[in-house]
ModelCIF file with pLDDT and N, C-alpha, C, O atoms, coordinates in Angstrom:
data_MODEL
#
_entry.id   MODEL 
#
_entity.id                         1 
_entity.type                       polymer 
_entity.pdbx_number_of_molecules   1 
#
_entity_poly.entity_id                      1 
_entity_poly.type                           'polypeptide(L)' 
_entity_poly.nstd_linkage                   no 
_entity_poly.nstd_monomer                   no 
_entity_poly.pdbx_seq_one_letter_code       AALLQEGYRRAAWRLIPFLVFLFVLAWIDRVNVGFAKLSMLSDLNFS 
_entity_poly.pdbx_seq_one_letter_code_can   AALLQEGYRRAAWRLIPFLVFLFVLAWIDRVNVGFAKLSMLSDLNFS 
_entity_poly.pdbx_strand_id                 A 
#
loop_
_entity_poly_seq.entity_id 
_entity_poly_seq.num 
_entity_poly_seq.mon_id 
_entity_poly_seq.hetero 
1 1  ALA n 
1 2  ALA n 
1 3  LEU n 
1 4  LEU n 
1 5  GLN n 
1 6  GLU n 
1 7  GLY n 
1 8  TYR n 
1 9  ARG n 
1 10 ARG n 
1 11 ALA n 
1 12 ALA n 
1 13 TRP n 
1 14 ARG n 
1 15 LEU n 
1 16 ILE n 
1 17 PRO n 
1 18 PHE n 
1 19 LEU n 
1 20 VAL n 
1 21 PHE n 
1 22 LEU n 
1 23 PHE n 
1 24 VAL n 
1 25 LEU n 
1 26 ALA n 
1 27 TRP n 
1 28 ILE n 
1 29 ASP n 
1 30 ARG n 
1 31 VAL n 
1 32 ASN n 
1 33 VAL n 
1 34 GLY n 
1 35 PHE n 
1 36 ALA n 
1 37 LYS n 
1 38 LEU n 
1 39 SER n 
1 40 MET n 
1 41 LEU n 
1 42 SER n 
1 43 ASP n 
1 44 LEU n 
1 45 ASN n 
1 46 PHE n 
1 47 SER n 
#
_struct_asym.id          A 
_struct_asym.entity_id   1 
#
loop_
_ma_qa_metric.id 
_ma_qa_metric.mode 
_ma_qa_metric.name 
_ma_qa_metric.software_group_id 
_ma_qa_metric.type 
1 global pLDDT . pLDDT 
2 local  pLDDT . pLDDT 
#
_ma_qa_metric_global.metric_id      1 
_ma_qa_metric_global.metric_value   89.87 
_ma_qa_metric_global.model_id       1 
_ma_qa_metric_global.ordinal_id     1 
#
loop_
_ma_qa_metric_local.label_asym_id 
_ma_qa_metric_local.label_comp_id 
_ma_qa_metric_local.label_seq_id 
_ma_qa_metric_local.metric_id 
_ma_qa_metric_local.metric_value 
_ma_qa_metric_local.model_id 
_ma_qa_metric_local.ordinal_id 
A ALA 1  2 81.00 1 1  
A ALA 2  2 85.00 1 2  
A LEU 3  2 88.00 1 3  
A LEU 4  2 89.00 1 4  
A GLN 5  2 89.00 1 5  
A GLU 6  2 90.00 1 6  
A GLY 7  2 91.00 1 7  
A TYR 8  2 92.00 1 8  
A ARG 9  2 92.00 1 9  
A ARG 10 2 93.00 1 10 
A ALA 11 2 92.00 1 11 
A ALA 12 2 91.00 1 12 
A TRP 13 2 92.00 1 13 
A ARG 14 2 92.00 1 14 
A LEU 15 2 93.00 1 15 
A ILE 16 2 92.00 1 16 
A PRO 17 2 92.00 1 17 
A PHE 18 2 93.00 1 18 
A LEU 19 2 93.00 1 19 
A VAL 20 2 91.00 1 20 
A PHE 21 2 92.00 1 21 
A LEU 22 2 93.00 1 22 
A PHE 23 2 90.00 1 23 
A VAL 24 2 90.00 1 24 
A LEU 25 2 92.00 1 25 
A ALA 26 2 89.00 1 26 
A TRP 27 2 85.00 1 27 
A ILE 28 2 88.00 1 28 
A ASP 29 2 89.00 1 29 
A ARG 30 2 86.00 1 30 
A VAL 31 2 83.00 1 31 
A ASN 32 2 88.00 1 32 
A VAL 33 2 89.00 1 33 
A GLY 34 2 86.00 1 34 
A PHE 35 2 86.00 1 35 
A ALA 36 2 89.00 1 36 
A LYS 37 2 88.00 1 37 
A LEU 38 2 85.00 1 38 
A SER 39 2 89.00 1 39 
A MET 40 2 92.00 1 40 
A LEU 41 2 91.00 1 41 
A SER 42 2 90.00 1 42 
A ASP 43 2 93.00 1 43 
A LEU 44 2 94.00 1 44 
A ASN 45 2 93.00 1 45 
A PHE 46 2 92.00 1 46 
A SER 47 2 91.00 1 47 
#
loop_
_atom_site.group_PDB 
_atom_site.id 
_atom_site.type_symbol 
_atom_site.label_atom_id 
_atom_site.label_alt_id 
_atom_site.label_comp_id 
_atom_site.label_asym_id 
_atom_site.label_entity_id 
_atom_site.label_seq_id 
_atom_site.pdbx_PDB_ins_code 
_atom_site.Cartn_x 
_atom_site.Cartn_y 
_atom_site.Cartn_z 
_atom_site.occupancy 
_atom_site.B_iso_or_equiv 
_atom_site.pdbx_formal_charge 
_atom_site.auth_seq_id 
_atom_site.auth_comp_id 
_atom_site.auth_asym_id 
_atom_site.auth_atom_id 
_atom_site.pdbx_PDB_model_num 
ATOM 1   N N  . ALA A 1 1  ? -31.622 -21.813 -9.508  1.00 81.00 ? 1  ALA A N  1 
ATOM 2   C CA . ALA A 1 1  ? -30.873 -21.106 -8.476  1.00 81.00 ? 1  ALA A CA 1 
ATOM 3   C C  . ALA A 1 1  ? -29.763 -21.982 -7.900  1.00 81.00 ? 1  ALA A C  1 
ATOM 4   O O  . ALA A 1 1  ? -28.655 -21.517 -7.635  1.00 81.00 ? 1  ALA A O  1 
ATOM 5   N N  . ALA A 1 2  ? -30.092 -23.274 -7.711  1.00 85.00 ? 2  ALA A N  1 
ATOM 6   C CA . ALA A 1 2  ? -29.083 -24.190 -7.179  1.00 85.00 ? 2  ALA A CA 1 
ATOM 7   C C  . ALA A 1 2  ? -27.945 -24.394 -8.177  1.00 85.00 ? 2  ALA A C  1 
ATOM 8   O O  . ALA A 1 2  ? -26.779 -24.468 -7.787  1.00 85.00 ? 2  ALA A O  1 
ATOM 9   N N  . LEU A 1 3  ? -28.285 -24.484 -9.466  1.00 88.00 ? 3  LEU A N  1 
ATOM 10  C CA . LEU A 1 3  ? -27.254 -24.619 -10.488 1.00 88.00 ? 3  LEU A CA 1 
ATOM 11  C C  . LEU A 1 3  ? -26.337 -23.401 -10.511 1.00 88.00 ? 3  LEU A C  1 
ATOM 12  O O  . LEU A 1 3  ? -25.116 -23.535 -10.588 1.00 88.00 ? 3  LEU A O  1 
ATOM 13  N N  . LEU A 1 4  ? -26.936 -22.212 -10.444 1.00 89.00 ? 4  LEU A N  1 
ATOM 14  C CA . LEU A 1 4  ? -26.138 -20.992 -10.438 1.00 89.00 ? 4  LEU A CA 1 
ATOM 15  C C  . LEU A 1 4  ? -25.243 -20.912 -9.208  1.00 89.00 ? 4  LEU A C  1 
ATOM 16  O O  . LEU A 1 4  ? -24.062 -20.580 -9.309  1.00 89.00 ? 4  LEU A O  1 
ATOM 17  N N  . GLN A 1 5  ? -25.811 -21.217 -8.056  1.00 89.00 ? 5  GLN A N  1 
ATOM 18  C CA . GLN A 1 5  ? -25.039 -21.147 -6.824  1.00 89.00 ? 5  GLN A CA 1 
ATOM 19  C C  . GLN A 1 5  ? -23.827 -22.068 -6.868  1.00 89.00 ? 5  GLN A C  1 
ATOM 20  O O  . GLN A 1 5  ? -22.724 -21.673 -6.490  1.00 89.00 ? 5  GLN A O  1 
ATOM 21  N N  . GLU A 1 6  ? -24.038 -23.295 -7.331  1.00 90.00 ? 6  GLU A N  1 
ATOM 22  C CA . GLU A 1 6  ? -22.943 -24.257 -7.405  1.00 90.00 ? 6  GLU A CA 1 
ATOM 23  C C  . GLU A 1 6  ? -21.944 -23.852 -8.487  1.00 90.00 ? 6  GLU A C  1 
ATOM 24  O O  . GLU A 1 6  ? -20.734 -24.005 -8.316  1.00 90.00 ? 6  GLU A O  1 
ATOM 25  N N  . GLY A 1 7  ? -22.461 -23.336 -9.599  1.00 91.00 ? 7  GLY A N  1 
ATOM 26  C CA . GLY A 1 7  ? -21.576 -22.888 -10.671 1.00 91.00 ? 7  GLY A CA 1 
ATOM 27  C C  . GLY A 1 7  ? -20.682 -21.737 -10.236 1.00 91.00 ? 7  GLY A C  1 
ATOM 28  O O  . GLY A 1 7  ? -19.486 -21.734 -10.526 1.00 91.00 ? 7  GLY A O  1 
ATOM 29  N N  . TYR A 1 8  ? -21.259 -20.754 -9.537  1.00 92.00 ? 8  TYR A N  1 
ATOM 30  C CA . TYR A 1 8  ? -20.471 -19.623 -9.056  1.00 92.00 ? 8  TYR A CA 1 
ATOM 31  C C  . TYR A 1 8  ? -19.449 -20.075 -8.003  1.00 92.00 ? 8  TYR A C  1 
ATOM 32  O O  . TYR A 1 8  ? -18.329 -19.568 -7.949  1.00 92.00 ? 8  TYR A O  1 
ATOM 33  N N  . ARG A 1 9  ? -19.859 -21.031 -7.175  1.00 92.00 ? 9  ARG A N  1 
ATOM 34  C CA . ARG A 1 9  ? -18.931 -21.539 -6.156  1.00 92.00 ? 9  ARG A CA 1 
ATOM 35  C C  . ARG A 1 9  ? -17.734 -22.216 -6.813  1.00 92.00 ? 9  ARG A C  1 
ATOM 36  O O  . ARG A 1 9  ? -16.591 -21.982 -6.420  1.00 92.00 ? 9  ARG A O  1 
ATOM 37  N N  . ARG A 1 10 ? -17.992 -23.045 -7.803  1.00 93.00 ? 10 ARG A N  1 
ATOM 38  C CA . ARG A 1 10 ? -16.898 -23.732 -8.489  1.00 93.00 ? 10 ARG A CA 1 
ATOM 39  C C  . ARG A 1 10 ? -16.003 -22.738 -9.236  1.00 93.00 ? 10 ARG A C  1 
ATOM 40  O O  . ARG A 1 10 ? -14.777 -22.838 -9.204  1.00 93.00 ? 10 ARG A O  1 
ATOM 41  N N  . ALA A 1 11 ? -16.639 -21.786 -9.901  1.00 92.00 ? 11 ALA A N  1 
ATOM 42  C CA . ALA A 1 11 ? -15.858 -20.799 -10.645 1.00 92.00 ? 11 ALA A CA 1 
ATOM 43  C C  . ALA A 1 11 ? -14.961 -19.991 -9.717  1.00 92.00 ? 11 ALA A C  1 
ATOM 44  O O  . ALA A 1 11 ? -13.805 -19.722 -10.041 1.00 92.00 ? 11 ALA A O  1 
ATOM 45  N N  . ALA A 1 12 ? -15.496 -19.606 -8.563  1.00 91.00 ? 12 ALA A N  1 
ATOM 46  C CA . ALA A 1 12 ? -14.702 -18.825 -7.614  1.00 91.00 ? 12 ALA A CA 1 
ATOM 47  C C  . ALA A 1 12 ? -13.500 -19.622 -7.119  1.00 91.00 ? 12 ALA A C  1 
ATOM 48  O O  . ALA A 1 12 ? -12.386 -19.103 -7.047  1.00 91.00 ? 12 ALA A O  1 
ATOM 49  N N  . TRP A 1 13 ? -13.737 -20.889 -6.778  1.00 92.00 ? 13 TRP A N  1 
ATOM 50  C CA . TRP A 1 13 ? -12.644 -21.712 -6.245  1.00 92.00 ? 13 TRP A CA 1 
ATOM 51  C C  . TRP A 1 13 ? -11.624 -22.081 -7.318  1.00 92.00 ? 13 TRP A C  1 
ATOM 52  O O  . TRP A 1 13 ? -10.438 -22.223 -7.020  1.00 92.00 ? 13 TRP A O  1 
ATOM 53  N N  . ARG A 1 14 ? -12.068 -22.235 -8.548  1.00 92.00 ? 14 ARG A N  1 
ATOM 54  C CA . ARG A 1 14 ? -11.151 -22.619 -9.621  1.00 92.00 ? 14 ARG A CA 1 
ATOM 55  C C  . ARG A 1 14 ? -10.378 -21.440 -10.191 1.00 92.00 ? 14 ARG A C  1 
ATOM 56  O O  . ARG A 1 14 ? -9.201  -21.571 -10.525 1.00 92.00 ? 14 ARG A O  1 
ATOM 57  N N  . LEU A 1 15 ? -11.033 -20.291 -10.303 1.00 93.00 ? 15 LEU A N  1 
ATOM 58  C CA . LEU A 1 15 ? -10.435 -19.165 -11.005 1.00 93.00 ? 15 LEU A CA 1 
ATOM 59  C C  . LEU A 1 15 ? -9.701  -18.191 -10.085 1.00 93.00 ? 15 LEU A C  1 
ATOM 60  O O  . LEU A 1 15 ? -8.573  -17.795 -10.378 1.00 93.00 ? 15 LEU A O  1 
ATOM 61  N N  . ILE A 1 16 ? -10.326 -17.805 -8.985  1.00 92.00 ? 16 ILE A N  1 
ATOM 62  C CA . ILE A 1 16 ? -9.772  -16.719 -8.174  1.00 92.00 ? 16 ILE A CA 1 
ATOM 63  C C  . ILE A 1 16 ? -8.392  -17.050 -7.608  1.00 92.00 ? 16 ILE A C  1 
ATOM 64  O O  . ILE A 1 16 ? -7.493  -16.220 -7.740  1.00 92.00 ? 16 ILE A O  1 
ATOM 65  N N  . PRO A 1 17 ? -8.168  -18.218 -6.982  1.00 92.00 ? 17 PRO A N  1 
ATOM 66  C CA . PRO A 1 17 ? -6.816  -18.491 -6.476  1.00 92.00 ? 17 PRO A CA 1 
ATOM 67  C C  . PRO A 1 17 ? -5.753  -18.449 -7.572  1.00 92.00 ? 17 PRO A C  1 
ATOM 68  O O  . PRO A 1 17 ? -4.651  -17.948 -7.348  1.00 92.00 ? 17 PRO A O  1 
ATOM 69  N N  . PHE A 1 18 ? -6.074  -18.969 -8.748  1.00 93.00 ? 18 PHE A N  1 
ATOM 70  C CA . PHE A 1 18 ? -5.102  -18.971 -9.836  1.00 93.00 ? 18 PHE A CA 1 
ATOM 71  C C  . PHE A 1 18 ? -4.837  -17.556 -10.343 1.00 93.00 ? 18 PHE A C  1 
ATOM 72  O O  . PHE A 1 18 ? -3.689  -17.190 -10.597 1.00 93.00 ? 18 PHE A O  1 
ATOM 73  N N  . LEU A 1 19 ? -5.894  -16.764 -10.490 1.00 93.00 ? 19 LEU A N  1 
ATOM 74  C CA . LEU A 1 19 ? -5.731  -15.382 -10.942 1.00 93.00 ? 19 LEU A CA 1 
ATOM 75  C C  . LEU A 1 19 ? -4.990  -14.549 -9.904  1.00 93.00 ? 19 LEU A C  1 
ATOM 76  O O  . LEU A 1 19 ? -4.178  -13.692 -10.254 1.00 93.00 ? 19 LEU A O  1 
ATOM 77  N N  . VAL A 1 20 ? -5.266  -14.799 -8.643  1.00 91.00 ? 20 VAL A N  1 
ATOM 78  C CA . VAL A 1 20 ? -4.519  -14.113 -7.579  1.00 91.00 ? 20 VAL A CA 1 
ATOM 79  C C  . VAL A 1 20 ? -3.038  -14.467 -7.661  1.00 91.00 ? 20 VAL A C  1 
ATOM 80  O O  . VAL A 1 20 ? -2.178  -13.596 -7.538  1.00 91.00 ? 20 VAL A O  1 
ATOM 81  N N  . PHE A 1 21 ? -2.745  -15.748 -7.869  1.00 92.00 ? 21 PHE A N  1 
ATOM 82  C CA . PHE A 1 21 ? -1.358  -16.187 -7.999  1.00 92.00 ? 21 PHE A CA 1 
ATOM 83  C C  . PHE A 1 21 ? -0.662  -15.472 -9.153  1.00 92.00 ? 21 PHE A C  1 
ATOM 84  O O  . PHE A 1 21 ? 0.482   -15.037 -9.025  1.00 92.00 ? 21 PHE A O  1 
ATOM 85  N N  . LEU A 1 22 ? -1.362  -15.356 -10.281 1.00 93.00 ? 22 LEU A N  1 
ATOM 86  C CA . LEU A 1 22 ? -0.784  -14.669 -11.431 1.00 93.00 ? 22 LEU A CA 1 
ATOM 87  C C  . LEU A 1 22 ? -0.511  -13.198 -11.119 1.00 93.00 ? 22 LEU A C  1 
ATOM 88  O O  . LEU A 1 22 ? 0.534   -12.661 -11.488 1.00 93.00 ? 22 LEU A O  1 
ATOM 89  N N  . PHE A 1 23 ? -1.451  -12.558 -10.442 1.00 90.00 ? 23 PHE A N  1 
ATOM 90  C CA . PHE A 1 23 ? -1.231  -11.143 -10.154 1.00 90.00 ? 23 PHE A CA 1 
ATOM 91  C C  . PHE A 1 23 ? -0.135  -10.947 -9.120  1.00 90.00 ? 23 PHE A C  1 
ATOM 92  O O  . PHE A 1 23 ? 0.609   -9.969  -9.183  1.00 90.00 ? 23 PHE A O  1 
ATOM 93  N N  . VAL A 1 24 ? -0.030  -11.864 -8.171  1.00 90.00 ? 24 VAL A N  1 
ATOM 94  C CA . VAL A 1 24 ? 1.073   -11.785 -7.204  1.00 90.00 ? 24 VAL A CA 1 
ATOM 95  C C  . VAL A 1 24 ? 2.404   -11.788 -7.950  1.00 90.00 ? 24 VAL A C  1 
ATOM 96  O O  . VAL A 1 24 ? 3.301   -11.009 -7.628  1.00 90.00 ? 24 VAL A O  1 
ATOM 97  N N  . LEU A 1 25 ? 2.530   -12.659 -8.943  1.00 92.00 ? 25 LEU A N  1 
ATOM 98  C CA . LEU A 1 25 ? 3.756   -12.697 -9.742  1.00 92.00 ? 25 LEU A CA 1 
ATOM 99  C C  . LEU A 1 25 ? 3.951   -11.384 -10.498 1.00 92.00 ? 25 LEU A C  1 
ATOM 100 O O  . LEU A 1 25 ? 5.063   -10.860 -10.562 1.00 92.00 ? 25 LEU A O  1 
ATOM 101 N N  . ALA A 1 26 ? 2.868   -10.856 -11.068 1.00 89.00 ? 26 ALA A N  1 
ATOM 102 C CA . ALA A 1 26 ? 2.966   -9.592  -11.808 1.00 89.00 ? 26 ALA A CA 1 
ATOM 103 C C  . ALA A 1 26 ? 3.403   -8.461  -10.898 1.00 89.00 ? 26 ALA A C  1 
ATOM 104 O O  . ALA A 1 26 ? 4.270   -7.663  -11.253 1.00 89.00 ? 26 ALA A O  1 
ATOM 105 N N  . TRP A 1 27 ? 2.798   -8.398  -9.725  1.00 85.00 ? 27 TRP A N  1 
ATOM 106 C CA . TRP A 1 27 ? 3.115   -7.322  -8.784  1.00 85.00 ? 27 TRP A CA 1 
ATOM 107 C C  . TRP A 1 27 ? 4.559   -7.428  -8.300  1.00 85.00 ? 27 TRP A C  1 
ATOM 108 O O  . TRP A 1 27 ? 5.262   -6.423  -8.204  1.00 85.00 ? 27 TRP A O  1 
ATOM 109 N N  . ILE A 1 28 ? 4.994   -8.640  -7.998  1.00 88.00 ? 28 ILE A N  1 
ATOM 110 C CA . ILE A 1 28 ? 6.370   -8.839  -7.546  1.00 88.00 ? 28 ILE A CA 1 
ATOM 111 C C  . ILE A 1 28 ? 7.352   -8.405  -8.624  1.00 88.00 ? 28 ILE A C  1 
ATOM 112 O O  . ILE A 1 28 ? 8.333   -7.722  -8.332  1.00 88.00 ? 28 ILE A O  1 
ATOM 113 N N  . ASP A 1 29 ? 7.093   -8.799  -9.875  1.00 89.00 ? 29 ASP A N  1 
ATOM 114 C CA . ASP A 1 29 ? 7.993   -8.423  -10.960 1.00 89.00 ? 29 ASP A CA 1 
ATOM 115 C C  . ASP A 1 29 ? 7.934   -6.927  -11.257 1.00 89.00 ? 29 ASP A C  1 
ATOM 116 O O  . ASP A 1 29 ? 8.883   -6.360  -11.798 1.00 89.00 ? 29 ASP A O  1 
ATOM 117 N N  . ARG A 1 30 ? 6.820   -6.293  -10.904 1.00 86.00 ? 30 ARG A N  1 
ATOM 118 C CA . ARG A 1 30 ? 6.691   -4.847  -11.107 1.00 86.00 ? 30 ARG A CA 1 
ATOM 119 C C  . ARG A 1 30 ? 7.483   -4.065  -10.066 1.00 86.00 ? 30 ARG A C  1 
ATOM 120 O O  . ARG A 1 30 ? 8.165   -3.096  -10.399 1.00 86.00 ? 30 ARG A O  1 
ATOM 121 N N  . VAL A 1 31 ? 7.393   -4.484  -8.806  1.00 83.00 ? 31 VAL A N  1 
ATOM 122 C CA . VAL A 1 31 ? 7.926   -3.645  -7.719  1.00 83.00 ? 31 VAL A CA 1 
ATOM 123 C C  . VAL A 1 31 ? 9.231   -4.168  -7.124  1.00 83.00 ? 31 VAL A C  1 
ATOM 124 O O  . VAL A 1 31 ? 9.793   -3.521  -6.241  1.00 83.00 ? 31 VAL A O  1 
ATOM 125 N N  . ASN A 1 32 ? 9.735   -5.332  -7.584  1.00 88.00 ? 32 ASN A N  1 
ATOM 126 C CA . ASN A 1 32 ? 10.973  -5.826  -6.981  1.00 88.00 ? 32 ASN A CA 1 
ATOM 127 C C  . ASN A 1 32 ? 12.148  -4.894  -7.215  1.00 88.00 ? 32 ASN A C  1 
ATOM 128 O O  . ASN A 1 32 ? 13.178  -5.001  -6.550  1.00 88.00 ? 32 ASN A O  1 
ATOM 129 N N  . VAL A 1 33 ? 11.989  -3.977  -8.163  1.00 89.00 ? 33 VAL A N  1 
ATOM 130 C CA . VAL A 1 33 ? 13.038  -2.974  -8.386  1.00 89.00 ? 33 VAL A CA 1 
ATOM 131 C C  . VAL A 1 33 ? 13.244  -2.118  -7.141  1.00 89.00 ? 33 VAL A C  1 
ATOM 132 O O  . VAL A 1 33 ? 14.329  -1.577  -6.930  1.00 89.00 ? 33 VAL A O  1 
ATOM 133 N N  . GLY A 1 34 ? 12.188  -1.992  -6.303  1.00 86.00 ? 34 GLY A N  1 
ATOM 134 C CA . GLY A 1 34 ? 12.327  -1.250  -5.060  1.00 86.00 ? 34 GLY A CA 1 
ATOM 135 C C  . GLY A 1 34 ? 13.281  -1.915  -4.084  1.00 86.00 ? 34 GLY A C  1 
ATOM 136 O O  . GLY A 1 34 ? 13.994  -1.229  -3.352  1.00 86.00 ? 34 GLY A O  1 
ATOM 137 N N  . PHE A 1 35 ? 13.304  -3.256  -4.061  1.00 86.00 ? 35 PHE A N  1 
ATOM 138 C CA . PHE A 1 35 ? 14.261  -3.990  -3.235  1.00 86.00 ? 35 PHE A CA 1 
ATOM 139 C C  . PHE A 1 35 ? 15.622  -4.051  -3.907  1.00 86.00 ? 35 PHE A C  1 
ATOM 140 O O  . PHE A 1 35 ? 16.652  -3.936  -3.243  1.00 86.00 ? 35 PHE A O  1 
ATOM 141 N N  . ALA A 1 36 ? 15.627  -4.233  -5.237  1.00 89.00 ? 36 ALA A N  1 
ATOM 142 C CA . ALA A 1 36 ? 16.892  -4.252  -5.971  1.00 89.00 ? 36 ALA A CA 1 
ATOM 143 C C  . ALA A 1 36 ? 17.648  -2.941  -5.778  1.00 89.00 ? 36 ALA A C  1 
ATOM 144 O O  . ALA A 1 36 ? 18.879  -2.917  -5.770  1.00 89.00 ? 36 ALA A O  1 
ATOM 145 N N  . LYS A 1 37 ? 16.904  -1.864  -5.626  1.00 88.00 ? 37 LYS A N  1 
ATOM 146 C CA . LYS A 1 37 ? 17.477  -0.530  -5.457  1.00 88.00 ? 37 LYS A CA 1 
ATOM 147 C C  . LYS A 1 37 ? 18.455  -0.457  -4.278  1.00 88.00 ? 37 LYS A C  1 
ATOM 148 O O  . LYS A 1 37 ? 19.392  0.341   -4.296  1.00 88.00 ? 37 LYS A O  1 
ATOM 149 N N  . LEU A 1 38 ? 18.235  -1.288  -3.258  1.00 85.00 ? 38 LEU A N  1 
ATOM 150 C CA . LEU A 1 38 ? 19.059  -1.218  -2.052  1.00 85.00 ? 38 LEU A CA 1 
ATOM 151 C C  . LEU A 1 38 ? 20.543  -1.422  -2.351  1.00 85.00 ? 38 LEU A C  1 
ATOM 152 O O  . LEU A 1 38 ? 21.397  -0.933  -1.610  1.00 85.00 ? 38 LEU A O  1 
ATOM 153 N N  . SER A 1 39 ? 20.858  -2.143  -3.436  1.00 89.00 ? 39 SER A N  1 
ATOM 154 C CA . SER A 1 39 ? 22.270  -2.304  -3.823  1.00 89.00 ? 39 SER A CA 1 
ATOM 155 C C  . SER A 1 39 ? 22.517  -2.064  -5.303  1.00 89.00 ? 39 SER A C  1 
ATOM 156 O O  . SER A 1 39 ? 23.659  -1.852  -5.711  1.00 89.00 ? 39 SER A O  1 
ATOM 157 N N  . MET A 1 40 ? 21.469  -2.092  -6.110  1.00 92.00 ? 40 MET A N  1 
ATOM 158 C CA . MET A 1 40 ? 21.598  -1.926  -7.555  1.00 92.00 ? 40 MET A CA 1 
ATOM 159 C C  . MET A 1 40 ? 22.146  -0.546  -7.918  1.00 92.00 ? 40 MET A C  1 
ATOM 160 O O  . MET A 1 40 ? 22.994  -0.419  -8.801  1.00 92.00 ? 40 MET A O  1 
ATOM 161 N N  . LEU A 1 41 ? 21.659  0.474   -7.235  1.00 91.00 ? 41 LEU A N  1 
ATOM 162 C CA . LEU A 1 41 ? 22.064  1.838   -7.581  1.00 91.00 ? 41 LEU A CA 1 
ATOM 163 C C  . LEU A 1 41 ? 23.562  2.041   -7.398  1.00 91.00 ? 41 LEU A C  1 
ATOM 164 O O  . LEU A 1 41 ? 24.223  2.646   -8.241  1.00 91.00 ? 41 LEU A O  1 
ATOM 165 N N  . SER A 1 42 ? 24.088  1.534   -6.294  1.00 90.00 ? 42 SER A N  1 
ATOM 166 C CA . SER A 1 42 ? 25.523  1.719   -6.051  1.00 90.00 ? 42 SER A CA 1 
ATOM 167 C C  . SER A 1 42 ? 26.360  0.873   -7.011  1.00 90.00 ? 42 SER A C  1 
ATOM 168 O O  . SER A 1 42 ? 27.432  1.302   -7.439  1.00 90.00 ? 42 SER A O  1 
ATOM 169 N N  . ASP A 1 43 ? 25.879  -0.326  -7.352  1.00 93.00 ? 43 ASP A N  1 
ATOM 170 C CA . ASP A 1 43 ? 26.617  -1.191  -8.278  1.00 93.00 ? 43 ASP A CA 1 
ATOM 171 C C  . ASP A 1 43 ? 26.702  -0.587  -9.673  1.00 93.00 ? 43 ASP A C  1 
ATOM 172 O O  . ASP A 1 43 ? 27.725  -0.714  -10.346 1.00 93.00 ? 43 ASP A O  1 
ATOM 173 N N  . LEU A 1 44 ? 25.633  0.068   -10.108 1.00 94.00 ? 44 LEU A N  1 
ATOM 174 C CA . LEU A 1 44 ? 25.563  0.602   -11.466 1.00 94.00 ? 44 LEU A CA 1 
ATOM 175 C C  . LEU A 1 44 ? 25.816  2.106   -11.528 1.00 94.00 ? 44 LEU A C  1 
ATOM 176 O O  . LEU A 1 44 ? 25.790  2.706   -12.603 1.00 94.00 ? 44 LEU A O  1 
ATOM 177 N N  . ASN A 1 45 ? 26.061  2.708   -10.365 1.00 93.00 ? 45 ASN A N  1 
ATOM 178 C CA . ASN A 1 45 ? 26.271  4.161   -10.294 1.00 93.00 ? 45 ASN A CA 1 
ATOM 179 C C  . ASN A 1 45 ? 25.069  4.938   -10.833 1.00 93.00 ? 45 ASN A C  1 
ATOM 180 O O  . ASN A 1 45 ? 25.224  5.946   -11.522 1.00 93.00 ? 45 ASN A O  1 
ATOM 181 N N  . PHE A 1 46 ? 23.881  4.456   -10.511 1.00 92.00 ? 46 PHE A N  1 
ATOM 182 C CA . PHE A 1 46 ? 22.663  5.170   -10.869 1.00 92.00 ? 46 PHE A CA 1 
ATOM 183 C C  . PHE A 1 46 ? 22.306  6.147   -9.750  1.00 92.00 ? 46 PHE A C  1 
ATOM 184 O O  . PHE A 1 46 ? 22.515  5.855   -8.573  1.00 92.00 ? 46 PHE A O  1 
ATOM 185 N N  . SER A 1 47 ? 21.772  7.294   -10.121 1.00 91.00 ? 47 SER A N  1 
ATOM 186 C CA . SER A 1 47 ? 21.311  8.261   -9.128  1.00 91.00 ? 47 SER A CA 1 
ATOM 187 C C  . SER A 1 47 ? 19.874  7.948   -8.719  1.00 91.00 ? 47 SER A C  1 
ATOM 188 O O  . SER A 1 47 ? 19.302  8.652   -7.887  1.00 91.00 ? 47 SER A O  1 
#
């Protein structure tokens, strides 16, 4: 039980922050078009 507890603790601290960082980048690259839209549409004459 102690081995599992320590293993899960290490895995959470090592993996989750890095995976969160990766998804933050993915999400930003997915939705930044919403901010680009504020001037992109007029520059490119998109409707």
